[in-house]
Amino acid sequence: MVEVLHIPVLLNAAIDALAIKRDGVYVDGTFGHGGHSRLILSKLGSRGRLIVFDKDPVAISTAKSIQDERLHVVHNSYTGLEVTLQSLAITGVDGILLDLGVSSMQLEKADRGFSFRHDGPLDMRMDTTRGETAAQWLATVDEVTLREAIRDYGEERYAGQIAGAIVMERSRRPITTTLQLAETVAAVVRARSHGREYRQHPATRTFQAIRIYLNQELEALSLTLPLCLARLNPAGRLVVISFHSLEDRIVKNFMRAQAMADTLPRKLPIREDERMRHSQQKLLLIGKKIRPDTNEIAANPRARSAIMRVAEKIKASAINR
């Protein structure tokens, strides 16, 4: 098998956005194949530290192969950020990077079951050492829950019909492979859309939905963003790269909410120093959302849907001056 080349999305832009301090402490919440982490390490001095998380055992094996005493590797979701930092006696960090979604390495390995490009077992777990596979879940999930998952996490207009077809298919034979599921879904979508051509495979949204549901990706993101804010040092940066609208919506809404400044009406006669004292603003939005340029998309088509957002934790003196 030809080895898959993994190209980190927005590599230089993301690390530049972190504004690395040589002696700082940083977190890469999704190590993946380590492209972002390696570049962070190259910018750290001897006293700098990098803590990396990943649920994928393959990614963890790659991370542990890096011989660097500044690197601490954690086989866990980034939801374990708080517990890990406490165990390391780290009270604050200078930057956190979250590169969401699945990596090219995961998508291209047939035995992971994330993609229908190659036939393989229907797994879809980020962490293959624990939890229920997609095949196991599809064998028992009720039709209502399946429909809601496909609708809510895949934004699929034919969610009801697809769920019904999956339930009917599993009554005839277990759904155990990626191509079996893809063909079941595609038949429904093509029939309902009267053969209209699609820019993407008809099963794309359903595969995305099942993966997100199974790995609780949106719940983990929503839980972790406040933890990141709490653990960032003043002037520390939060950098998040997302790959679809559901993720980006969560990140955008969180950052905007934490960047809201006033708790008092602007027309109320009050001195500016008093207004700042009552401010709830915790983050400063850094620039607008960033997308890959045409050159990066040409070199790495997976990057076309990426959106990066950056925010900086406001110094206490900026609020309580």
C-alpha atoms as a PDB file:
ATOM      1  CA  MET A   1       0.000   0.000   0.000  1.00  0.00           C
ATOM      2  CA  VAL A   2       1.236   3.453  -0.901  1.00  0.00           C
ATOM      3  CA  GLU A   3       1.870   5.569   2.183  1.00  0.00           C
ATOM      4  CA  VAL A   4      -0.496   8.511   2.489  1.00  0.00           C
ATOM      5  CA  LEU A   5       1.121  11.926   2.619  1.00  0.00           C
ATOM      6  CA  HIS A   6      -0.444  13.978   5.386  1.00  0.00           C
ATOM      7  CA  ILE A   7      -0.385  17.713   4.774  1.00  0.00           C
ATOM      8  CA  PRO A   8      -1.318  19.835   7.817  1.00  0.00           C
ATOM      9  CA  VAL A   9      -3.984  22.401   6.995  1.00  0.00           C
ATOM     10  CA  LEU A  10      -3.069  26.071   7.509  1.00  0.00           C
ATOM     11  CA  LEU A  11       0.236  24.969   9.032  1.00  0.00           C
ATOM     12  CA  ASN A  12       2.167  28.241   9.050  1.00  0.00           C
ATOM     13  CA  ALA A  13      -0.916  30.415   9.534  1.00  0.00           C
ATOM     14  CA  ALA A  14      -1.953  28.448  12.633  1.00  0.00           C
ATOM     15  CA  ILE A  15       1.471  28.549  14.271  1.00  0.00           C
ATOM     16  CA  ASP A  16       1.898  32.227  13.443  1.00  0.00           C
ATOM     17  CA  ALA A  17      -1.490  32.861  15.055  1.00  0.00           C
ATOM     18  CA  LEU A  18      -0.300  31.227  18.290  1.00  0.00           C
ATOM     19  CA  ALA A  19       2.406  33.925  18.560  1.00  0.00           C
ATOM     20  CA  ILE A  20       4.841  31.432  20.127  1.00  0.00           C
ATOM     21  CA  LYS A  21       6.914  32.549  23.106  1.00  0.00           C
ATOM     22  CA  ARG A  22      10.193  30.645  23.342  1.00  0.00           C
ATOM     23  CA  ASP A  23       9.678  29.737  26.994  1.00  0.00           C
ATOM     24  CA  GLY A  24       5.906  29.347  26.749  1.00  0.00           C
ATOM     25  CA  VAL A  25       3.639  26.395  27.444  1.00  0.00           C
ATOM     26  CA  TYR A  26       1.409  25.233  24.594  1.00  0.00           C
ATOM     27  CA  VAL A  27      -1.268  22.625  23.919  1.00  0.00           C
ATOM     28  CA  ASP A  28      -1.991  20.828  20.654  1.00  0.00           C
ATOM     29  CA  GLY A  29      -5.376  19.251  21.318  1.00  0.00           C
ATOM     30  CA  THR A  30      -5.313  17.134  18.149  1.00  0.00           C
ATOM     31  CA  PHE A  31      -1.812  15.824  17.413  1.00  0.00           C
ATOM     32  CA  GLY A  32      -2.800  13.872  14.291  1.00  0.00           C
ATOM     33  CA  HIS A  33       0.381  13.219  12.321  1.00  0.00           C
ATOM     34  CA  GLY A  34       2.246  15.923  14.218  1.00  0.00           C
ATOM     35  CA  GLY A  35       2.779  18.613  11.600  1.00  0.00           C
ATOM     36  CA  HIS A  36       1.579  21.464  13.790  1.00  0.00           C
ATOM     37  CA  SER A  37       3.292  20.064  16.895  1.00  0.00           C
ATOM     38  CA  ARG A  38       6.663  19.733  15.201  1.00  0.00           C
ATOM     39  CA  LEU A  39       6.550  23.330  14.041  1.00  0.00           C
ATOM     40  CA  ILE A  40       5.606  24.499  17.543  1.00  0.00           C
ATOM     41  CA  LEU A  41       8.555  22.581  19.006  1.00  0.00           C
ATOM     42  CA  SER A  42      10.899  24.165  16.468  1.00  0.00           C
ATOM     43  CA  LYS A  43       9.956  27.597  17.791  1.00  0.00           C
ATOM     44  CA  LEU A  44      10.241  26.762  21.498  1.00  0.00           C
ATOM     45  CA  GLY A  45      13.369  27.255  23.554  1.00  0.00           C
ATOM     46  CA  SER A  46      14.816  24.761  26.009  1.00  0.00           C
ATOM     47  CA  ARG A  47      12.400  25.835  28.750  1.00  0.00           C
ATOM     48  CA  GLY A  48       9.291  25.692  26.576  1.00  0.00           C
ATOM     49  CA  ARG A  49       6.735  22.891  26.872  1.00  0.00           C
ATOM     50  CA  LEU A  50       4.192  21.310  24.560  1.00  0.00           C
ATOM     51  CA  ILE A  51       1.361  19.027  25.722  1.00  0.00           C
ATOM     52  CA  VAL A  52      -0.329  17.052  22.939  1.00  0.00           C
ATOM     53  CA  PHE A  53      -3.587  15.096  23.008  1.00  0.00           C
ATOM     54  CA  ASP A  54      -5.085  12.578  20.637  1.00  0.00           C
ATOM     55  CA  LYS A  55      -7.658   9.790  20.894  1.00  0.00           C
ATOM     56  CA  ASP A  56      -6.131   7.839  18.004  1.00  0.00           C
ATOM     57  CA  PRO A  57      -3.625   5.147  19.100  1.00  0.00           C
ATOM     58  CA  VAL A  58      -1.731   5.515  15.802  1.00  0.00           C
ATOM     59  CA  ALA A  59      -1.309   9.244  16.370  1.00  0.00           C
ATOM     60  CA  ILE A  60      -0.141   8.619  19.927  1.00  0.00           C
ATOM     61  CA  SER A  61       2.439   6.116  18.702  1.00  0.00           C
ATOM     62  CA  THR A  62       3.759   8.727  16.273  1.00  0.00           C
ATOM     63  CA  ALA A  63       3.872  11.375  18.997  1.00  0.00           C
ATOM     64  CA  LYS A  64       5.772   9.091  21.368  1.00  0.00           C
ATOM     65  CA  SER A  65       8.378   8.427  18.682  1.00  0.00           C
ATOM     66  CA  ILE A  66       9.462  12.083  18.939  1.00  0.00           C
ATOM     67  CA  GLN A  67      12.398  12.206  21.316  1.00  0.00           C
ATOM     68  CA  ASP A  68      11.994  15.587  22.975  1.00  0.00           C
ATOM     69  CA  GLU A  69      11.872  16.196  26.718  1.00  0.00           C
ATOM     70  CA  ARG A  70       9.763  19.317  26.150  1.00  0.00           C
ATOM     71  CA  LEU A  71       6.945  17.162  24.753  1.00  0.00           C
ATOM     72  CA  HIS A  72       4.282  15.496  26.923  1.00  0.00           C
ATOM     73  CA  VAL A  73       1.957  13.041  25.150  1.00  0.00           C
ATOM     74  CA  VAL A  74      -1.569  12.219  26.358  1.00  0.00           C
ATOM     75  CA  HIS A  75      -3.710   9.430  24.893  1.00  0.00           C
ATOM     76  CA  ASN A  76      -7.046  11.089  25.471  1.00  0.00           C
ATOM     77  CA  SER A  77      -9.498  13.572  24.019  1.00  0.00           C
ATOM     78  CA  TYR A  78      -8.749  17.238  24.514  1.00  0.00           C
ATOM     79  CA  THR A  79     -11.663  17.161  26.959  1.00  0.00           C
ATOM     80  CA  GLY A  80      -9.046  15.891  29.411  1.00  0.00           C
ATOM     81  CA  LEU A  81      -7.232  19.238  29.283  1.00  0.00           C
ATOM     82  CA  GLU A  82      -8.106  20.351  32.810  1.00  0.00           C
ATOM     83  CA  VAL A  83      -7.213  17.069  34.524  1.00  0.00           C
ATOM     84  CA  THR A  84      -3.954  16.748  32.602  1.00  0.00           C
ATOM     85  CA  LEU A  85      -2.765  20.275  33.364  1.00  0.00           C
ATOM     86  CA  GLN A  86      -3.596  19.797  37.037  1.00  0.00           C
ATOM     87  CA  SER A  87      -1.599  16.552  37.103  1.00  0.00           C
ATOM     88  CA  LEU A  88       1.375  18.379  35.566  1.00  0.00           C
ATOM     89  CA  ALA A  89       1.030  21.284  38.020  1.00  0.00           C
ATOM     90  CA  ILE A  90       0.545  23.694  35.115  1.00  0.00           C
ATOM     91  CA  THR A  91      -1.669  26.604  36.118  1.00  0.00           C
ATOM     92  CA  GLY A  92      -1.828  28.310  32.741  1.00  0.00           C
ATOM     93  CA  VAL A  93      -0.764  27.936  29.120  1.00  0.00           C
ATOM     94  CA  ASP A  94       0.217  30.469  26.459  1.00  0.00           C
ATOM     95  CA  GLY A  95      -1.609  28.965  23.537  1.00  0.00           C
ATOM     96  CA  ILE A  96      -3.989  26.172  22.534  1.00  0.00           C
ATOM     97  CA  LEU A  97      -4.482  24.763  19.029  1.00  0.00           C
ATOM     98  CA  LEU A  98      -7.471  22.603  18.056  1.00  0.00           C
ATOM     99  CA  ASP A  99      -7.411  21.162  14.526  1.00  0.00           C
ATOM    100  CA  LEU A 100     -10.802  19.467  14.326  1.00  0.00           C
ATOM    101  CA  GLY A 101     -12.221  16.651  12.226  1.00  0.00           C
ATOM    102  CA  VAL A 102     -10.428  13.640  10.773  1.00  0.00           C
ATOM    103  CA  SER A 103      -6.973  13.547   9.249  1.00  0.00           C
ATOM    104  CA  SER A 104      -6.018  12.402   5.766  1.00  0.00           C
ATOM    105  CA  MET A 105      -4.298   9.436   7.387  1.00  0.00           C
ATOM    106  CA  GLN A 106      -7.554   8.310   8.999  1.00  0.00           C
ATOM    107  CA  LEU A 107      -9.638   8.892   5.885  1.00  0.00           C
ATOM    108  CA  GLU A 108      -7.352   6.921   3.609  1.00  0.00           C
ATOM    109  CA  LYS A 109      -6.966   3.847   5.811  1.00  0.00           C
ATOM    110  CA  ALA A 110      -9.722   1.451   4.812  1.00  0.00           C
ATOM    111  CA  ASP A 111      -9.688  -0.386   8.146  1.00  0.00           C
ATOM    112  CA  ARG A 112     -10.722   2.789   9.995  1.00  0.00           C
ATOM    113  CA  GLY A 113     -14.076   2.944   8.213  1.00  0.00           C
ATOM    114  CA  PHE A 114     -14.280   6.734   7.911  1.00  0.00           C
ATOM    115  CA  SER A 115     -14.487   6.832   4.127  1.00  0.00           C
ATOM    116  CA  PHE A 116     -16.321   4.969   1.367  1.00  0.00           C
ATOM    117  CA  ARG A 117     -13.474   5.521  -1.112  1.00  0.00           C
ATOM    118  CA  HIS A 118     -12.136   2.110  -0.068  1.00  0.00           C
ATOM    119  CA  ASP A 119     -14.214  -0.796   1.208  1.00  0.00           C
ATOM    120  CA  GLY A 120     -13.456  -1.673   4.795  1.00  0.00           C
ATOM    121  CA  PRO A 121     -14.995  -2.522   8.162  1.00  0.00           C
ATOM    122  CA  LEU A 122     -17.495   0.046   9.402  1.00  0.00           C
ATOM    123  CA  ASP A 123     -15.602   1.289  12.458  1.00  0.00           C
ATOM    124  CA  MET A 124     -15.413   5.138  12.544  1.00  0.00           C
ATOM    125  CA  ARG A 125     -14.035   5.343  16.095  1.00  0.00           C
ATOM    126  CA  MET A 126     -11.353   7.958  16.690  1.00  0.00           C
ATOM    127  CA  ASP A 127     -10.084   5.756  19.527  1.00  0.00           C
ATOM    128  CA  THR A 128     -10.054   2.150  18.333  1.00  0.00           C
ATOM    129  CA  THR A 129      -9.275   0.864  21.834  1.00  0.00           C
ATOM    130  CA  ARG A 130     -12.693   1.645  23.280  1.00  0.00           C
ATOM    131  CA  GLY A 131     -16.325   2.295  22.496  1.00  0.00           C
ATOM    132  CA  GLU A 132     -18.889   1.060  20.010  1.00  0.00           C
ATOM    133  CA  THR A 133     -18.122   0.771  16.290  1.00  0.00           C
ATOM    134  CA  ALA A 134     -20.425   2.273  13.681  1.00  0.00           C
ATOM    135  CA  ALA A 135     -21.453  -1.242  12.629  1.00  0.00           C
ATOM    136  CA  GLN A 136     -22.401  -2.137  16.193  1.00  0.00           C
ATOM    137  CA  TRP A 137     -24.345   1.095  16.631  1.00  0.00           C
ATOM    138  CA  LEU A 138     -26.218   0.730  13.349  1.00  0.00           C
ATOM    139  CA  ALA A 139     -27.221  -2.807  14.326  1.00  0.00           C
ATOM    140  CA  THR A 140     -29.186  -1.629  17.357  1.00  0.00           C
ATOM    141  CA  VAL A 141     -30.023   2.084  17.064  1.00  0.00           C
ATOM    142  CA  ASP A 142     -33.725   2.903  16.749  1.00  0.00           C
ATOM    143  CA  GLU A 143     -34.926   4.596  13.596  1.00  0.00           C
ATOM    144  CA  VAL A 144     -35.890   7.864  15.304  1.00  0.00           C
ATOM    145  CA  THR A 145     -32.452   8.336  16.890  1.00  0.00           C
ATOM    146  CA  LEU A 146     -30.775   7.445  13.594  1.00  0.00           C
ATOM    147  CA  ARG A 147     -32.908   9.938  11.677  1.00  0.00           C
ATOM    148  CA  GLU A 148     -32.168  12.713  14.169  1.00  0.00           C
ATOM    149  CA  ALA A 149     -28.430  12.004  14.094  1.00  0.00           C
ATOM    150  CA  ILE A 150     -28.286  12.101  10.287  1.00  0.00           C
ATOM    151  CA  ARG A 151     -30.419  15.257  10.201  1.00  0.00           C
ATOM    152  CA  ASP A 152     -28.702  17.162  13.009  1.00  0.00           C
ATOM    153  CA  TYR A 153     -25.062  16.172  12.459  1.00  0.00           C
ATOM    154  CA  GLY A 154     -25.092  15.694   8.697  1.00  0.00           C
ATOM    155  CA  GLU A 155     -27.615  18.391   7.766  1.00  0.00           C
ATOM    156  CA  GLU A 156     -29.058  15.811   5.363  1.00  0.00           C
ATOM    157  CA  ARG A 157     -32.441  16.708   3.830  1.00  0.00           C
ATOM    158  CA  TYR A 158     -33.317  13.043   3.233  1.00  0.00           C
ATOM    159  CA  ALA A 159     -32.489  11.902   6.779  1.00  0.00           C
ATOM    160  CA  GLY A 160     -35.850  10.210   7.357  1.00  0.00           C
ATOM    161  CA  GLN A 161     -35.737   8.202   4.155  1.00  0.00           C
ATOM    162  CA  ILE A 162     -32.089   7.230   4.721  1.00  0.00           C
ATOM    163  CA  ALA A 163     -32.770   6.058   8.270  1.00  0.00           C
ATOM    164  CA  GLY A 164     -35.685   3.964   7.029  1.00  0.00           C
ATOM    165  CA  ALA A 165     -33.550   2.393   4.313  1.00  0.00           C
ATOM    166  CA  ILE A 166     -30.759   1.542   6.766  1.00  0.00           C
ATOM    167  CA  VAL A 167     -33.226  -0.123   9.150  1.00  0.00           C
ATOM    168  CA  MET A 168     -34.712  -2.113   6.271  1.00  0.00           C
ATOM    169  CA  GLU A 169     -31.261  -3.134   4.990  1.00  0.00           C
ATOM    170  CA  ARG A 170     -30.100  -4.359   8.410  1.00  0.00           C
ATOM    171  CA  SER A 171     -33.246  -6.524   8.703  1.00  0.00           C
ATOM    172  CA  ARG A 172     -32.005  -8.423   5.663  1.00  0.00           C
ATOM    173  CA  ARG A 173     -28.310  -8.563   6.558  1.00  0.00           C
ATOM    174  CA  PRO A 174     -25.930  -6.842   9.005  1.00  0.00           C
ATOM    175  CA  ILE A 175     -24.411  -3.592   7.737  1.00  0.00           C
ATOM    176  CA  THR A 176     -20.722  -4.143   8.350  1.00  0.00           C
ATOM    177  CA  THR A 177     -18.740  -2.433   5.573  1.00  0.00           C
ATOM    178  CA  THR A 178     -18.320   1.112   4.316  1.00  0.00           C
ATOM    179  CA  LEU A 179     -19.392   0.356   0.760  1.00  0.00           C
ATOM    180  CA  GLN A 180     -22.497  -1.485   1.937  1.00  0.00           C
ATOM    181  CA  LEU A 181     -23.597   1.555   3.928  1.00  0.00           C
ATOM    182  CA  ALA A 182     -22.616   3.981   1.153  1.00  0.00           C
ATOM    183  CA  GLU A 183     -24.597   2.051  -1.467  1.00  0.00           C
ATOM    184  CA  THR A 184     -27.662   1.884   0.791  1.00  0.00           C
ATOM    185  CA  VAL A 185     -27.591   5.641   1.370  1.00  0.00           C
ATOM    186  CA  ALA A 186     -26.734   6.580  -2.216  1.00  0.00           C
ATOM    187  CA  ALA A 187     -29.681   4.607  -3.585  1.00  0.00           C
ATOM    188  CA  VAL A 188     -32.076   6.648  -1.433  1.00  0.00           C
ATOM    189  CA  VAL A 189     -30.549  10.036  -2.235  1.00  0.00           C
ATOM    190  CA  ARG A 190     -30.389   9.403  -5.957  1.00  0.00           C
ATOM    191  CA  ALA A 191     -33.998   8.183  -6.021  1.00  0.00           C
ATOM    192  CA  ARG A 192     -35.273  11.174  -4.043  1.00  0.00           C
ATOM    193  CA  SER A 193     -33.269  13.687  -6.100  1.00  0.00           C
ATOM    194  CA  HIS A 194     -34.349  12.109  -9.414  1.00  0.00           C
ATOM    195  CA  GLY A 195     -30.787  11.392 -10.490  1.00  0.00           C
ATOM    196  CA  ARG A 196     -29.520  14.964 -10.084  1.00  0.00           C
ATOM    197  CA  GLU A 197     -25.729  15.173 -10.118  1.00  0.00           C
ATOM    198  CA  TYR A 198     -23.982  16.021  -6.842  1.00  0.00           C
ATOM    199  CA  ARG A 199     -20.632  17.697  -6.257  1.00  0.00           C
ATOM    200  CA  GLN A 200     -20.004  15.169  -3.483  1.00  0.00           C
ATOM    201  CA  HIS A 201     -20.937  11.521  -3.007  1.00  0.00           C
ATOM    202  CA  PRO A 202     -24.575  11.126  -1.889  1.00  0.00           C
ATOM    203  CA  ALA A 203     -23.459   9.308   1.284  1.00  0.00           C
ATOM    204  CA  THR A 204     -21.009  12.026   2.403  1.00  0.00           C
ATOM    205  CA  ARG A 205     -23.368  13.752   4.836  1.00  0.00           C
ATOM    206  CA  THR A 206     -24.547  10.484   6.391  1.00  0.00           C
ATOM    207  CA  PHE A 207     -20.988   9.267   6.962  1.00  0.00           C
ATOM    208  CA  GLN A 208     -20.118  12.620   8.518  1.00  0.00           C
ATOM    209  CA  ALA A 209     -23.170  12.467  10.775  1.00  0.00           C
ATOM    210  CA  ILE A 210     -22.500   8.954  12.048  1.00  0.00           C
ATOM    211  CA  ARG A 211     -18.837   9.775  12.722  1.00  0.00           C
ATOM    212  CA  ILE A 212     -19.671  12.948  14.627  1.00  0.00           C
ATOM    213  CA  TYR A 213     -22.414  11.251  16.645  1.00  0.00           C
ATOM    214  CA  LEU A 214     -20.344   8.188  17.459  1.00  0.00           C
ATOM    215  CA  ASN A 215     -17.328  10.190  18.635  1.00  0.00           C
ATOM    216  CA  GLN A 216     -19.407  12.939  20.320  1.00  0.00           C
ATOM    217  CA  GLU A 217     -17.308  15.524  18.493  1.00  0.00           C
ATOM    218  CA  LEU A 218     -19.569  18.548  18.887  1.00  0.00           C
ATOM    219  CA  GLU A 219     -20.254  17.835  22.565  1.00  0.00           C
ATOM    220  CA  ALA A 220     -16.513  17.519  23.196  1.00  0.00           C
ATOM    221  CA  LEU A 221     -15.829  20.821  21.445  1.00  0.00           C
ATOM    222  CA  SER A 222     -18.555  22.657  23.363  1.00  0.00           C
ATOM    223  CA  LEU A 223     -17.243  21.265  26.649  1.00  0.00           C
ATOM    224  CA  THR A 224     -13.596  22.050  25.916  1.00  0.00           C
ATOM    225  CA  LEU A 225     -13.768  25.660  24.704  1.00  0.00           C
ATOM    226  CA  PRO A 226     -14.588  27.030  28.194  1.00  0.00           C
ATOM    227  CA  LEU A 227     -11.781  24.875  29.642  1.00  0.00           C
ATOM    228  CA  CYS A 228      -9.377  26.421  27.141  1.00  0.00           C
ATOM    229  CA  LEU A 229     -10.427  29.919  28.142  1.00  0.00           C
ATOM    230  CA  ALA A 230     -10.030  29.140  31.829  1.00  0.00           C
ATOM    231  CA  ARG A 231      -6.531  27.744  31.371  1.00  0.00           C
ATOM    232  CA  LEU A 232      -5.134  30.388  29.001  1.00  0.00           C
ATOM    233  CA  ASN A 233      -2.722  32.875  30.502  1.00  0.00           C
ATOM    234  CA  PRO A 234      -3.413  36.580  29.880  1.00  0.00           C
ATOM    235  CA  ALA A 235      -2.522  37.319  26.222  1.00  0.00           C
ATOM    236  CA  GLY A 236      -2.646  33.574  25.501  1.00  0.00           C
ATOM    237  CA  ARG A 237      -4.044  32.567  22.104  1.00  0.00           C
ATOM    238  CA  LEU A 238      -6.809  30.107  21.211  1.00  0.00           C
ATOM    239  CA  VAL A 239      -6.594  28.893  17.592  1.00  0.00           C
ATOM    240  CA  VAL A 240      -9.284  26.592  16.179  1.00  0.00           C
ATOM    241  CA  ILE A 241      -9.437  25.072  12.693  1.00  0.00           C
ATOM    242  CA  SER A 242     -12.812  23.600  11.762  1.00  0.00           C
ATOM    243  CA  PHE A 243     -13.990  21.801   8.648  1.00  0.00           C
ATOM    244  CA  HIS A 244     -17.763  22.103   8.557  1.00  0.00           C
ATOM    245  CA  SER A 245     -20.446  24.552   9.541  1.00  0.00           C
ATOM    246  CA  LEU A 246     -21.540  22.834  12.757  1.00  0.00           C
ATOM    247  CA  GLU A 247     -18.050  23.015  14.259  1.00  0.00           C
ATOM    248  CA  ASP A 248     -17.421  26.541  13.044  1.00  0.00           C
ATOM    249  CA  ARG A 249     -20.752  27.747  14.410  1.00  0.00           C
ATOM    250  CA  ILE A 250     -19.849  26.514  17.893  1.00  0.00           C
ATOM    251  CA  VAL A 251     -16.410  28.152  17.756  1.00  0.00           C
ATOM    252  CA  LYS A 252     -17.712  31.424  16.297  1.00  0.00           C
ATOM    253  CA  ASN A 253     -20.523  31.737  18.832  1.00  0.00           C
ATOM    254  CA  PHE A 254     -18.239  30.947  21.769  1.00  0.00           C
ATOM    255  CA  MET A 255     -15.545  33.426  20.755  1.00  0.00           C
ATOM    256  CA  ARG A 256     -18.058  36.163  20.000  1.00  0.00           C
ATOM    257  CA  ALA A 257     -19.868  35.647  23.302  1.00  0.00           C
ATOM    258  CA  GLN A 258     -16.598  35.884  25.237  1.00  0.00           C
ATOM    259  CA  ALA A 259     -15.618  38.982  23.275  1.00  0.00           C
ATOM    260  CA  MET A 260     -18.779  40.860  24.269  1.00  0.00           C
ATOM    261  CA  ALA A 261     -17.750  43.725  26.504  1.00  0.00           C
ATOM    262  CA  ASP A 262     -20.660  45.589  28.000  1.00  0.00           C
ATOM    263  CA  THR A 263     -23.024  44.472  30.742  1.00  0.00           C
ATOM    264  CA  LEU A 264     -24.412  48.014  31.086  1.00  0.00           C
ATOM    265  CA  PRO A 265     -26.338  50.094  28.542  1.00  0.00           C
ATOM    266  CA  ARG A 266     -23.982  52.334  26.581  1.00  0.00           C
ATOM    267  CA  LYS A 267     -26.168  55.401  27.125  1.00  0.00           C
ATOM    268  CA  LEU A 268     -26.024  55.047  30.921  1.00  0.00           C
ATOM    269  CA  PRO A 269     -23.991  57.956  32.371  1.00  0.00           C
ATOM    270  CA  ILE A 270     -20.965  56.144  33.784  1.00  0.00           C
ATOM    271  CA  ARG A 271     -17.224  56.711  33.665  1.00  0.00           C
ATOM    272  CA  GLU A 272     -15.231  54.511  31.301  1.00  0.00           C
ATOM    273  CA  ASP A 273     -13.152  53.022  34.131  1.00  0.00           C
ATOM    274  CA  GLU A 274     -16.370  51.962  35.870  1.00  0.00           C
ATOM    275  CA  ARG A 275     -17.710  50.466  32.650  1.00  0.00           C
ATOM    276  CA  MET A 276     -14.543  48.414  32.183  1.00  0.00           C
ATOM    277  CA  ARG A 277     -14.776  47.166  35.759  1.00  0.00           C
ATOM    278  CA  HIS A 278     -18.200  45.699  34.985  1.00  0.00           C
ATOM    279  CA  SER A 279     -17.155  44.275  31.624  1.00  0.00           C
ATOM    280  CA  GLN A 280     -17.573  40.567  30.964  1.00  0.00           C
ATOM    281  CA  GLN A 281     -15.182  40.607  28.015  1.00  0.00           C
ATOM    282  CA  LYS A 282     -12.649  37.785  28.269  1.00  0.00           C
ATOM    283  CA  LEU A 283     -11.443  37.357  24.694  1.00  0.00           C
ATOM    284  CA  LEU A 284     -10.235  39.666  21.968  1.00  0.00           C
ATOM    285  CA  LEU A 285     -10.990  38.444  18.449  1.00  0.00           C
ATOM    286  CA  ILE A 286      -7.811  38.449  16.347  1.00  0.00           C
ATOM    287  CA  GLY A 287      -8.626  39.306  12.760  1.00  0.00           C
ATOM    288  CA  LYS A 288     -11.361  37.717  10.695  1.00  0.00           C
ATOM    289  CA  LYS A 289     -11.819  34.047   9.914  1.00  0.00           C
ATOM    290  CA  ILE A 290      -8.979  32.668   7.808  1.00  0.00           C
ATOM    291  CA  ARG A 291      -9.337  30.266   4.889  1.00  0.00           C
ATOM    292  CA  PRO A 292      -6.608  28.484   2.915  1.00  0.00           C
ATOM    293  CA  ASP A 293      -5.472  30.254  -0.239  1.00  0.00           C
ATOM    294  CA  THR A 294      -5.780  28.779  -3.711  1.00  0.00           C
ATOM    295  CA  ASN A 295      -2.234  27.386  -3.656  1.00  0.00           C
ATOM    296  CA  GLU A 296      -2.856  25.399  -0.464  1.00  0.00           C
ATOM    297  CA  ILE A 297      -6.181  24.077  -1.740  1.00  0.00           C
ATOM    298  CA  ALA A 298      -4.518  22.978  -4.983  1.00  0.00           C
ATOM    299  CA  ALA A 299      -1.849  21.107  -3.016  1.00  0.00           C
ATOM    300  CA  ASN A 300      -4.305  19.732  -0.447  1.00  0.00           C
ATOM    301  CA  PRO A 301      -7.958  19.603  -1.606  1.00  0.00           C
ATOM    302  CA  ARG A 302      -9.059  18.608   1.923  1.00  0.00           C
ATOM    303  CA  ALA A 303      -8.178  22.150   3.005  1.00  0.00           C
ATOM    304  CA  ARG A 304     -10.927  23.745   0.894  1.00  0.00           C
ATOM    305  CA  SER A 305     -13.514  23.653   3.710  1.00  0.00           C
ATOM    306  CA  ALA A 306     -11.175  24.751   6.505  1.00  0.00           C
ATOM    307  CA  ILE A 307     -11.898  27.864   8.561  1.00  0.00           C
ATOM    308  CA  MET A 308      -9.526  29.142  11.241  1.00  0.00           C
ATOM    309  CA  ARG A 309     -10.565  31.493  14.022  1.00  0.00           C
ATOM    310  CA  VAL A 310      -8.217  33.118  16.523  1.00  0.00           C
ATOM    311  CA  ALA A 311      -8.843  34.830  19.857  1.00  0.00           C
ATOM    312  CA  GLU A 312      -6.612  36.176  22.610  1.00  0.00           C
ATOM    313  CA  LYS A 313      -7.348  36.181  26.311  1.00  0.00           C
ATOM    314  CA  ILE A 314      -7.577  39.720  27.592  1.00  0.00           C
ATOM    315  CA  LYS A 315      -5.139  40.789  30.260  1.00  0.00           C
ATOM    316  CA  ALA A 316      -6.698  41.516  33.630  1.00  0.00           C
ATOM    317  CA  SER A 317      -5.311  45.039  33.504  1.00  0.00           C
ATOM    318  CA  ALA A 318      -7.291  45.699  30.332  1.00  0.00           C
ATOM    319  CA  ILE A 319     -10.524  44.945  32.197  1.00  0.00           C
ATOM    320  CA  ASN A 320      -9.852  46.227  35.698  1.00  0.00           C
ATOM    321  CA  ARG A 321      -7.711  49.209  34.979  1.00  0.00           C
END
